[in-house]
Protein backbone atom coordinates (compact mmCIF):
# COMPACT_ATOMS: atom_id res chain seq x y z
CA SER A 1 0.00 0.00 0.00
CA GLY A 2 3.03 2.25 0.17
CA ALA A 3 2.22 3.05 3.79
CA ARG A 4 5.08 4.35 5.92
CA LYS A 5 6.13 2.15 8.84
CA ARG A 6 7.94 2.91 12.09
CA ARG A 7 9.19 0.68 14.86
CA VAL A 8 8.45 1.67 18.44
CA GLY A 9 11.09 0.98 21.13
CA ASP A 10 14.22 0.27 19.01
CA CYS A 11 17.48 1.29 20.69
CA GLY A 12 18.17 4.94 20.14
CA ARG A 13 14.92 5.53 18.23
CA GLN A 14 12.42 8.36 18.91
CA ALA A 15 12.47 10.62 21.93
CA SER A 16 9.00 9.50 23.02
CA THR A 17 10.30 6.01 23.67
CA ALA A 18 13.81 6.82 24.83
CA SER A 19 13.33 5.39 28.30
CA THR A 20 11.86 2.20 26.88
CA ALA A 21 14.75 1.81 24.45
CA ARG A 22 17.32 2.48 27.19
CA ARG A 23 15.83 -0.17 29.50
CA ARG A 24 15.80 -2.75 26.74
CA CYS A 25 19.37 -1.96 25.65
CA ASP A 26 20.66 -2.10 29.24
CA ALA A 27 18.95 -5.45 29.76
CA ALA A 28 20.43 -6.78 26.51
CA ALA A 29 23.92 -5.67 27.53
CA MET A 30 23.62 -7.60 30.81
CA HIS A 31 22.14 -10.65 29.09
CA PRO A 32 23.56 -10.99 25.54
CA TRP A 33 21.11 -13.77 24.66
CA ARG A 34 18.35 -11.16 24.66
CA TRP A 35 19.75 -9.41 21.61
CA ALA A 36 18.37 -12.16 19.41
CA ALA A 37 14.90 -11.54 20.82
CA LEU A 38 14.97 -7.74 20.48
CA PRO A 39 13.57 -7.57 16.92
CA MET A 40 10.53 -9.54 18.05
CA ALA A 41 9.88 -7.33 21.09
CA VAL A 42 8.76 -4.22 19.27
CA ALA A 43 5.46 -2.90 18.04
CA LEU A 44 4.97 -1.99 14.41
CA VAL A 45 2.81 1.07 13.84
CA GLU A 46 1.80 1.69 10.26
CA GLU A 47 0.42 4.92 8.92
CA MET A 48 -3.10 4.19 7.75
CA PRO A 49 -3.62 4.06 3.97
CA GLU A 50 -5.00 7.35 2.66
CA GLU A 51 -7.43 8.37 -0.03
CA GLY A 52 -8.73 11.76 -1.13
CA ASP A 53 -12.28 13.03 -0.69
CA ALA A 54 -14.59 10.19 0.42
CA THR A 55 -17.36 11.43 -1.87
CA LYS A 56 -15.04 10.96 -4.87
CA LEU A 57 -13.86 7.44 -4.00
CA SER A 58 -16.08 5.06 -5.96
CA ALA A 59 -17.75 2.20 -4.14
CA LYS A 60 -16.05 -0.20 -6.57
CA ASN A 61 -12.55 1.03 -5.74
CA PHE A 62 -13.31 1.13 -2.01
CA ARG A 63 -14.41 -2.51 -2.05
CA LYS A 64 -11.47 -3.62 -4.16
CA ARG A 65 -8.78 -1.80 -2.17
CA TYR A 66 -10.08 -2.04 1.40
CA ALA A 67 -13.31 -3.96 2.16
CA ARG A 68 -12.32 -7.24 0.50
CA LYS A 69 -8.74 -7.04 1.79
CA GLY A 70 -9.77 -6.13 5.33
CA LEU A 71 -7.67 -2.95 5.40
CA PRO A 72 -8.50 0.32 7.18
CA VAL A 73 -8.36 3.65 5.37
CA VAL A 74 -8.64 7.36 6.09
CA MET A 75 -10.32 9.49 3.43
CA ARG A 76 -9.26 13.12 3.63
CA GLY A 77 -11.70 16.01 3.31
CA ASN A 78 -11.85 19.73 3.98
CA ASP A 79 -15.48 20.30 4.92
CA ASP A 80 -16.37 21.06 8.50
CA GLY A 81 -19.57 21.43 10.46
CA PRO A 82 -20.84 22.90 13.69
CA THR A 83 -18.45 23.13 16.60
CA PHE A 84 -18.91 21.39 19.91
CA ASP A 85 -20.71 24.41 21.44
CA GLU A 86 -22.80 25.09 18.34
CA LEU A 87 -24.05 21.51 18.29
CA GLY A 88 -25.20 21.89 21.89
CA GLU A 89 -27.49 24.68 20.72
CA MET A 90 -28.50 22.91 17.52
CA CYS A 91 -29.81 19.69 19.11
CA PRO A 92 -29.99 20.50 22.84
CA GLU A 93 -32.59 17.93 23.94
CA GLY A 94 -31.08 14.92 22.22
CA PRO A 95 -30.61 12.06 24.73
CA MET A 96 -27.16 10.50 25.01
CA GLU A 97 -24.75 9.05 27.58
CA ALA A 98 -21.67 10.55 29.21
CA TYR A 99 -18.94 7.96 29.80
CA GLU A 100 -16.56 8.10 32.72
CA LEU A 101 -12.98 7.10 32.02
CA HIS A 102 -11.58 4.30 34.17
CA ALA A 103 -8.42 5.34 35.98
CA GLU A 104 -6.61 2.16 34.87
CA GLY A 105 -8.24 1.84 31.47
CA LYS A 106 -10.29 -1.20 32.48
CA GLY A 107 -13.82 -1.90 31.33
CA TRP A 108 -15.33 -1.80 27.86
CA ALA A 109 -13.44 0.79 25.76
CA GLY A 110 -11.70 1.97 28.94
CA PHE A 111 -14.88 3.25 30.58
CA SER A 112 -15.99 2.67 34.15
CA ASP A 113 -19.57 3.89 33.92
CA ALA A 114 -22.10 5.78 31.83
CA LYS A 115 -24.84 8.17 32.84
CA PRO A 116 -27.74 9.51 30.75
CA CYS A 117 -27.82 13.18 29.84
CA THR A 118 -28.92 15.52 27.07
CA LEU A 119 -26.54 16.90 24.48
CA HIS A 120 -26.82 20.36 26.01
CA GLU A 121 -26.04 19.01 29.50
CA PHE A 122 -22.95 17.22 28.17
CA VAL A 123 -21.66 20.37 26.48
CA MET A 124 -22.19 22.43 29.63
CA ASP A 125 -20.51 19.88 31.94
CA GLU A 126 -16.79 20.57 31.59
CA SER A 127 -15.92 17.43 33.54
CA ALA A 128 -17.56 15.22 30.87
CA LYS A 129 -14.80 13.80 28.67
CA TYR A 130 -16.56 11.50 26.19
CA GLY A 131 -20.16 10.93 25.14
CA MET A 132 -22.04 8.71 22.70
CA GLY A 133 -25.46 7.19 22.12
CA LEU A 134 -27.38 10.04 20.49
CA ASP A 135 -29.43 8.75 17.54
CA LEU A 136 -28.60 11.24 14.79
CA LYS A 137 -31.49 10.42 12.49
CA CYS A 138 -34.01 11.02 15.26
CA PHE A 139 -32.55 13.79 17.41
CA CYS A 140 -30.18 15.72 15.16
CA PRO A 141 -31.32 15.00 11.57
CA ASP A 142 -30.25 18.41 10.25
CA LEU A 143 -26.58 17.80 10.97
CA GLU A 144 -24.82 17.98 7.60
CA VAL A 145 -23.48 14.50 6.94
CA GLU A 146 -23.53 13.28 3.34
CA LEU A 147 -23.18 9.54 2.86
CA PRO A 148 -20.22 8.81 0.54
CA PRO A 149 -20.48 6.10 -2.16
CA PHE A 150 -19.02 3.34 0.03
CA LEU A 151 -21.93 3.68 2.50
CA ARG A 152 -24.85 3.95 0.10
CA ASP A 153 -25.55 0.21 -0.04
CA ASP A 154 -25.46 -0.16 3.74
CA ARG A 155 -28.06 -2.79 4.65
CA HIS A 156 -28.96 -0.82 7.76
CA ARG A 157 -30.92 1.55 5.55
CA PHE A 158 -33.21 -1.28 4.46
CA SER A 159 -33.04 -3.76 7.32
CA GLU A 160 -36.03 -4.33 9.60
CA PHE A 161 -33.51 -5.26 12.26
CA GLN A 162 -31.28 -2.18 12.22
CA ARG A 163 -29.55 -0.95 15.34
CA LYS A 164 -31.50 1.29 17.67
CA TYR A 165 -28.93 4.10 17.76
CA TRP A 166 -27.79 4.05 14.14
CA PRO A 167 -26.01 6.22 13.20
CA SER A 168 -24.70 7.88 16.35
CA LEU A 169 -22.94 11.00 17.58
CA ALA A 170 -19.60 11.06 19.43
CA LEU A 171 -18.38 14.03 21.48
CA GLY A 172 -15.06 14.36 23.28
CA ARG A 173 -12.94 16.85 25.19
CA LYS A 174 -9.18 17.03 25.74
CA HIS A 175 -7.88 13.79 27.32
CA GLY A 176 -11.11 12.06 26.30
CA GLY A 177 -11.38 9.05 24.03
CA THR A 178 -11.79 5.31 23.94
CA GLN A 179 -9.43 2.41 24.49
CA MET A 180 -9.22 -0.58 22.16
CA HIS A 181 -12.62 -2.18 21.74
CA GLY A 182 -14.66 -3.99 19.13
CA SER A 183 -18.27 -4.01 18.05
CA ASP A 184 -20.92 -6.66 18.54
CA GLN A 185 -21.19 -8.87 15.46
CA MET A 186 -17.78 -7.51 14.28
CA LEU A 187 -19.38 -5.12 11.84
CA PRO A 188 -17.22 -2.67 9.89
CA TRP A 189 -17.09 0.82 11.41
CA TRP A 190 -17.06 4.32 9.96
CA PHE A 191 -16.16 7.56 11.72
CA LYS A 192 -16.75 11.02 10.24
CA ILE A 193 -14.97 13.91 11.99
CA ILE A 194 -17.05 17.08 11.95
CA ALA A 195 -14.97 19.26 14.28
CA GLY A 196 -11.68 18.84 16.14
CA LYS A 197 -8.81 16.40 15.73
CA VAL A 198 -8.48 12.81 16.89
CA ASP A 199 -5.78 10.12 17.01
CA ILE A 200 -7.27 6.82 15.79
CA ARG A 201 -5.64 3.40 16.21
CA ILE A 202 -6.95 0.27 14.46
CA MET A 203 -5.94 -3.38 14.91
CA ARG A 204 -7.12 -5.92 12.34
CA VAL A 205 -8.76 -9.20 13.32
CA GLU A 206 -5.88 -11.06 11.65
CA GLU A 207 -3.61 -9.44 14.24
CA TRP A 208 -5.53 -9.70 17.52
CA ARG A 209 -7.25 -13.06 17.14
CA PRO A 210 -4.11 -15.29 16.98
CA LYS A 211 -2.16 -13.19 19.51
CA PHE A 212 -4.72 -12.20 22.12
CA ALA A 213 -7.71 -14.57 21.90
CA THR A 214 -5.92 -17.87 22.45
CA GLY A 215 -4.30 -19.69 25.37
CA GLN A 216 -5.42 -20.44 28.92
CA ASN A 217 -5.67 -16.81 30.03
CA PRO A 218 -6.29 -14.75 26.87
CA LEU A 219 -6.31 -10.98 26.89
CA ILE A 220 -9.39 -10.99 24.64
CA ILE A 221 -12.40 -13.06 25.66
CA ASN A 222 -15.95 -13.65 24.42
CA ASP A 223 -14.70 -14.08 20.85
CA PRO A 224 -16.44 -13.66 18.37
CA ASN A 225 -17.79 -10.65 20.31
CA PRO A 226 -14.36 -9.42 21.45
CA ASP A 227 -13.90 -7.97 24.93
CA PHE A 228 -10.64 -7.24 26.76
CA ASN A 229 -9.94 -9.24 29.90
CA GLY A 230 -7.93 -6.41 31.39
CA PRO A 231 -6.52 -3.00 30.40
CA PHE A 232 -4.69 -2.45 27.13
CA ASP A 233 -3.47 1.04 26.20
CA ALA A 234 -3.23 1.51 22.45
CA PHE A 235 -1.40 4.82 22.97
CA ASP A 236 1.27 3.54 25.38
CA ASP A 237 4.51 2.51 23.66
CA ASP A 238 5.55 0.22 26.53
CA GLU A 239 2.34 -1.78 26.32
CA LEU A 240 2.48 -1.96 22.55
CA ASN A 241 6.06 -3.24 22.72
CA GLU A 242 5.17 -5.84 25.34
CA ALA A 243 2.24 -7.03 23.25
CA ASN A 244 4.33 -7.01 20.05
CA VAL A 245 1.42 -5.88 17.91
CA THR A 246 0.98 -4.34 14.51
CA LEU A 247 -1.63 -1.64 14.22
CA TYR A 248 -2.59 1.30 12.05
CA LYS A 249 -2.76 4.93 13.12
CA THR A 250 -3.88 8.25 11.71
CA ILE A 251 -4.53 11.77 12.92
CA ALA A 252 -7.98 12.62 11.55
CA LYS A 253 -9.31 16.17 11.32
CA ALA A 254 -12.60 17.82 10.39
CA GLY A 255 -13.85 16.54 7.05
CA ASP A 256 -12.06 13.16 7.24
CA TRP A 257 -13.73 9.75 7.14
CA VAL A 258 -12.12 6.67 8.74
CA TYR A 259 -13.06 3.07 7.95
CA ALA A 260 -12.23 0.04 10.12
CA PRO A 261 -12.76 -3.38 8.48
CA VAL A 262 -14.63 -6.45 9.69
CA GLY A 263 -13.59 -7.53 13.18
CA ALA A 264 -11.10 -4.69 13.71
CA LEU A 265 -10.51 -3.22 17.15
CA ARG A 266 -10.20 0.54 17.43
CA ALA A 267 -9.23 3.28 19.87
CA THR A 268 -9.60 7.07 19.71
CA ARG A 269 -7.99 9.96 21.58
CA VAL A 270 -8.84 13.66 21.32
CA ILE A 271 -5.85 15.74 20.16
CA GLY A 272 -5.43 19.40 21.14
CA GLU A 273 -7.66 21.82 22.97
CA GLU A 274 -10.64 21.80 20.60
CA PRO A 275 -13.36 19.24 21.49
CA ILE A 276 -14.33 16.79 18.78
CA VAL A 277 -17.68 16.26 17.12
CA ALA A 278 -18.09 13.10 15.04
CA ALA A 279 -20.73 10.89 13.48
CA PHE A 280 -20.17 7.14 13.43
CA GLY A 281 -21.91 3.91 12.68
CA PHE A 282 -21.59 0.28 11.68
CA PHE A 283 -22.56 -1.12 8.32
CA PHE A 284 -22.62 -4.21 6.15
CA ASP A 285 -23.14 -4.88 2.47
CA HIS A 286 -22.41 -7.60 -0.07
CA ALA A 287 -18.72 -6.66 -0.23
CA HIS A 288 -18.31 -7.64 3.44
CA LYS A 289 -20.36 -10.82 3.25
CA LYS A 290 -17.48 -13.31 2.95
CA ARG A 291 -15.48 -11.84 5.83
CA LEU A 292 -18.47 -11.43 8.15
CA LEU A 293 -19.64 -15.01 7.58
CA ARG A 294 -16.12 -16.33 8.17
CA ASP A 295 -14.97 -14.11 11.04
CA PHE A 296 -18.24 -13.74 12.93
CA CYS A 297 -21.27 -15.76 11.82
CA ASP A 298 -19.64 -19.18 11.50
CA LYS A 299 -17.81 -18.68 14.79
CA TYR A 300 -21.06 -17.58 16.43
CA VAL A 301 -22.66 -20.84 15.25
CA GLU A 302 -19.75 -22.79 16.78
CA THR A 303 -20.51 -21.24 20.16
CA MET A 304 -24.11 -22.51 19.94
CA THR A 305 -23.56 -26.08 18.77
CA HIS A 306 -23.34 -27.40 22.33
CA ARG A 307 -27.10 -26.73 22.44
CA LEU A 308 -28.19 -26.79 18.82
CA ALA A 309 -27.39 -28.26 15.46
CA PRO A 310 -25.79 -25.66 13.14
CA LEU A 311 -29.05 -25.16 11.25
CA GLY A 312 -30.88 -24.40 14.50
CA ALA A 313 -28.31 -21.73 15.43
CA ARG A 314 -28.39 -20.23 11.95
CA THR A 315 -32.17 -19.84 12.08
CA CYS A 316 -32.51 -18.35 15.57
CA GLY A 317 -33.61 -21.69 16.99
CA TYR A 318 -31.60 -21.20 20.17
CA ARG A 319 -33.88 -18.43 21.49
CA GLY A 320 -36.49 -20.52 23.25
CA HIS A 321 -35.76 -23.27 20.72
CA GLY A 322 -37.57 -21.52 17.93
CA ARG A 323 -39.31 -18.57 19.53
CA ALA A 324 -39.29 -15.16 17.88
CA PRO A 325 -35.82 -13.60 18.18
CA ASP A 326 -35.30 -10.19 19.72
CA ALA A 327 -35.11 -7.70 16.86
CA GLU A 328 -34.54 -4.73 19.15
CA VAL A 329 -30.97 -5.64 20.02
CA THR A 330 -29.95 -6.81 16.56
CA ASP A 331 -29.91 -10.48 17.40
CA PRO A 332 -26.83 -12.19 15.90
CA CYS A 333 -28.87 -14.80 14.07
CA LEU A 334 -31.03 -12.12 12.43
CA LEU A 335 -27.98 -10.17 11.37
CA CYS A 336 -26.25 -13.24 9.96
CA LEU A 337 -29.35 -14.29 8.02
CA ASP A 338 -29.32 -10.80 6.49
CA ILE A 339 -25.56 -10.88 5.82
CA ALA A 340 -25.91 -14.24 4.08
CA GLY A 341 -28.56 -12.84 1.75
CA ALA A 342 -31.47 -14.88 3.12
CA LEU A 343 -33.50 -11.75 3.92
CA ASP A 344 -32.41 -9.54 1.05
CA ASP A 345 -35.27 -7.83 -0.74
CA ALA A 346 -34.03 -5.66 -3.59
CA SER A 347 -37.62 -4.78 -4.51
CA ALA A 348 -38.02 -2.88 -1.21
CA ARG A 349 -35.16 -0.48 -1.79
CA GLY A 350 -37.16 2.06 -3.75
CA ALA A 351 -35.89 4.88 -5.90
CA ARG A 352 -32.74 6.93 -5.41
CA PRO A 353 -33.21 9.27 -2.40
CA PRO A 354 -33.64 13.01 -3.01
CA SER A 355 -30.09 13.49 -1.70
CA TRP A 356 -27.41 11.50 0.11
CA HIS A 357 -27.78 13.67 3.18
CA LEU A 358 -27.95 11.23 6.07
CA ALA A 359 -31.60 11.87 7.00
CA ASP A 360 -32.84 11.95 3.40
CA ALA A 361 -31.14 8.64 2.62
CA ILE A 362 -32.45 6.91 5.74
CA PHE A 363 -36.04 8.13 5.75
CA SER A 364 -36.63 7.40 2.05
CA ALA A 365 -35.34 3.83 1.92
CA GLY A 366 -38.20 2.05 0.16
CA ALA A 367 -41.97 2.14 0.52
CA HIS A 368 -41.76 1.32 4.26
CA PRO A 369 -38.42 2.75 5.48
CA PRO A 370 -37.40 0.80 8.59
CA ALA A 371 -36.34 4.05 10.27
CA CYS A 372 -39.94 5.26 9.97
CA ALA A 373 -41.21 2.51 12.27
CA VAL A 374 -41.30 4.99 15.15
CA GLU A 375 -43.87 2.94 17.05
CA SER A 376 -41.75 -0.18 16.96
CA ARG A 377 -39.63 -1.70 19.69
CA PHE A 378 -36.69 0.32 18.36
CA SER A 379 -37.94 3.78 19.20
CA ARG A 380 -41.05 5.21 20.80
CA GLU A 381 -39.98 8.72 19.92
CA CYS A 382 -38.20 9.96 16.81
CA PRO A 383 -38.70 13.68 16.12
CA GLY A 384 -36.51 13.44 13.03
CA ALA A 385 -39.10 11.22 11.34
CA LEU A 386 -41.81 13.89 11.50
CA GLY A 387 -42.53 15.24 8.05
CA ARG A 388 -40.04 12.87 6.43
CA CYS A 389 -41.83 9.52 6.53
CA PRO A 390 -44.74 8.36 4.39
CA ALA A 391 -48.10 7.90 6.08
CA PRO A 392 -48.41 4.35 7.45
CA ARG A 393 -50.45 2.02 5.30
CA GLU A 394 -51.72 -1.14 6.87
CA ARG A 395 -54.37 -3.64 5.83
CA PRO A 396 -56.99 -4.25 8.56
CA SER A 397 -56.64 -7.99 8.03
CA GLU A 398 -52.94 -7.77 8.89
CA ARG A 399 -53.62 -5.90 12.14
CA LYS A 400 -56.11 -8.57 13.20
CA ARG A 401 -53.65 -11.35 12.56
CA LEU A 402 -50.84 -9.48 14.27
CA ASP A 403 -52.77 -9.62 17.52
CA TYR A 404 -51.80 -13.25 17.84
CA GLY A 405 -48.94 -13.63 15.39
CA ASP A 406 -45.18 -13.70 15.93
CA ILE A 407 -44.16 -12.62 12.44
CA ASP A 408 -43.83 -8.90 13.23
CA LEU A 409 -40.44 -9.18 14.93
CA ASN A 410 -39.68 -5.47 15.30
CA GLY A 411 -43.17 -4.55 16.52
CA ASP A 412 -43.88 -1.85 13.93
CA ARG A 413 -47.36 -3.21 13.11
CA HIS A 414 -46.30 -3.97 9.54
CA ILE A 415 -45.44 -7.41 8.21
CA SER A 416 -42.43 -7.09 5.91
CA ARG A 417 -40.97 -9.50 3.42
CA GLN A 418 -37.82 -9.66 5.56
CA GLU A 419 -39.79 -10.78 8.62
CA VAL A 420 -41.57 -13.45 6.61
CA GLY A 421 -38.12 -14.55 5.43
CA VAL A 422 -37.14 -15.18 9.06
CA ALA A 423 -40.27 -17.29 9.57
CA VAL A 424 -39.45 -19.27 6.43
CA ALA A 425 -35.87 -19.82 7.64
CA GLN A 426 -37.09 -21.11 11.00
CA ALA A 427 -39.47 -23.43 9.18
CA ALA A 428 -36.44 -24.93 7.43
CA ALA A 429 -35.10 -26.07 10.79
CA PHE A 430 -38.45 -27.17 12.19
CA HIS A 431 -39.44 -29.23 9.13
CA ARG A 432 -35.87 -30.43 8.46
CA ALA A 433 -36.08 -29.02 4.94
CA LEU A 434 -32.29 -28.79 4.85
CA PRO A 435 -29.48 -30.88 6.34
CA LEU A 436 -28.75 -29.88 9.93
CA ASN A 437 -25.22 -28.85 8.94
CA ALA A 438 -26.38 -26.69 6.02
CA THR A 439 -24.21 -23.63 5.38
CA TYR A 440 -25.39 -20.03 5.36
CA ASP A 441 -25.18 -20.02 1.56
CA ASP A 442 -27.37 -23.15 1.36
CA LEU A 443 -29.88 -21.62 3.77
CA ALA A 444 -30.00 -18.27 1.95
CA ALA A 445 -30.66 -19.90 -1.41
CA TRP A 446 -33.45 -22.07 0.04
CA VAL A 447 -35.13 -19.17 1.89
CA GLN A 448 -35.07 -16.91 -1.16
CA ARG A 449 -36.61 -19.65 -3.28
CA GLU A 450 -39.35 -20.48 -0.78
CA LEU A 451 -40.03 -16.82 -0.03
CA GLY A 452 -40.49 -16.08 -3.71
CA ALA A 453 -43.24 -18.68 -3.84
CA VAL A 454 -45.38 -17.05 -1.12
CA TRP A 455 -44.39 -13.41 -1.63
CA PRO A 456 -43.10 -12.64 -5.14
CA ALA A 457 -40.50 -9.88 -5.25
CA GLY A 458 -42.04 -6.48 -5.93
CA LYS A 459 -45.49 -7.35 -4.58
CA PRO A 460 -46.74 -5.14 -1.71
CA SER A 461 -47.68 -8.07 0.51
CA MET A 462 -48.47 -11.75 0.68
CA THR A 463 -51.87 -13.10 -0.22
CA ASP A 464 -54.21 -13.79 2.69
CA ARG A 465 -53.69 -17.49 2.11
CA ALA A 466 -49.92 -17.17 2.32
CA LEU A 467 -50.21 -15.04 5.46
CA ASP A 468 -52.42 -17.63 7.11
CA GLU A 469 -49.92 -20.34 6.19
CA ALA A 470 -47.00 -18.37 7.61
CA LEU A 471 -48.84 -17.82 10.88
CA ARG A 472 -49.85 -21.47 11.03
CA LEU A 473 -46.23 -22.55 10.69
CA GLY A 474 -45.27 -20.03 13.36
CA THR A 475 -47.91 -21.35 15.74
CA GLU A 476 -46.72 -24.93 15.20
CA ARG A 477 -43.16 -23.84 15.82
CA TRP A 478 -43.93 -22.18 19.16
CA ALA A 479 -46.11 -25.11 20.25
CA ALA A 480 -43.25 -27.50 19.52
CA ALA A 481 -40.91 -25.39 21.59
CA ASP A 482 -43.37 -25.42 24.48
CA SER A 483 -43.49 -29.20 24.36
CA GLY A 484 -39.72 -29.41 24.62
CA ARG A 485 -38.79 -30.28 21.04
CA GLU A 486 -35.45 -28.82 19.98
CA PHE A 487 -33.66 -28.34 16.69
CA VAL A 488 -30.90 -30.74 17.66
CA SER A 489 -29.58 -34.01 16.39
CA GLU A 490 -26.89 -36.46 17.41
CA GLU A 491 -26.05 -37.04 13.79
CA LEU A 492 -25.10 -34.00 11.73
């Protein structure tokens, strides 16, 4: 990639690590056998690959150069937005959380606790160092964030099972930031700096998994949802040397976009006196399918096979042995079904949005934009949806059936083709329509074929007969679970 590399901790190198280098050289002089080990006892910090303006990098080139190779990238820009103080006046009532930094860097992302507050309260509290959790589309939709080409096929725009706080706002003051942490389901991550400057460190899954997630007392636990079993400072040269890691770094400023690939761990630190304002989110599309299935979904299934056959885990069978999964928290099995293509519905994507401004793109995603389901389990209040979403259209017959049905997984009072796809997938496990060790690709192909038979692509809804059949299968499935039947087998 042509990226510049530097070694941290070599003898005589870099004033910032002089003491580290001196201790290592003194130790090597006393014990000559250590000289042979010195080259292995250093961290390698690579400057992150760079691109120009994110809006001018084509989706094709982004996927070819970074997504499919699992490489991070920083895309440089010059635009800026409201400052920290201005944002506090722009969206004052937006709910978020202020995170307290742990003195020793322990806890998720180096935080000890979080307390709810409004955006205005966070800005006014000078002791607050880092805050997140504000849902931008609902509570600050006028913030100028234009989705670049690499984000325009993000499945979150069309998924019935999108994250509750997607996308989110990040705020930070001097000395604020996050320590190395990952995301649930190992989704790729994007970070758009709107104001301020931030040091960002990224460690690829190919680096941390073999080094930190193995052995009797691993530093990283709960793989494939990575969590540190102790403090790890991504900005401390001594710790990086001891861990002997390779990671990427960049100093990102207002206008820049940063991308972290599937499974990557990341850390951020505010640079300078000016507080930072940033938008961030997770995403997935077809370009990330192979890596997500390999690095997360298949490993997730492995963690469930002590209770279920692979097909049962792949179809959400573990939750009550076939009960409706929890859409509100982006259940792993729902996400993986979507990643695999089992729930894809190209006919629901609709026309090109009026603009790629964040709110326009989200609230115009198809005839029934998932973000417009403001009465769902995801959000009981979403001011940003007012005036942007189409009027809800619902057939009376569907409402009657929903009173006793389990098809409407996200509780928005609308049965979608994606939700019916989940019911079809669960039927595959219940009726043994596929081998119990069927792969995600096998399952996706079968679901799409069966779904097309009861709800042809492009049609607004199923026929009444198909709806009755789907509910009947659902009722049988829950009854079987109540009687103790499980999607398991001794022979796979």
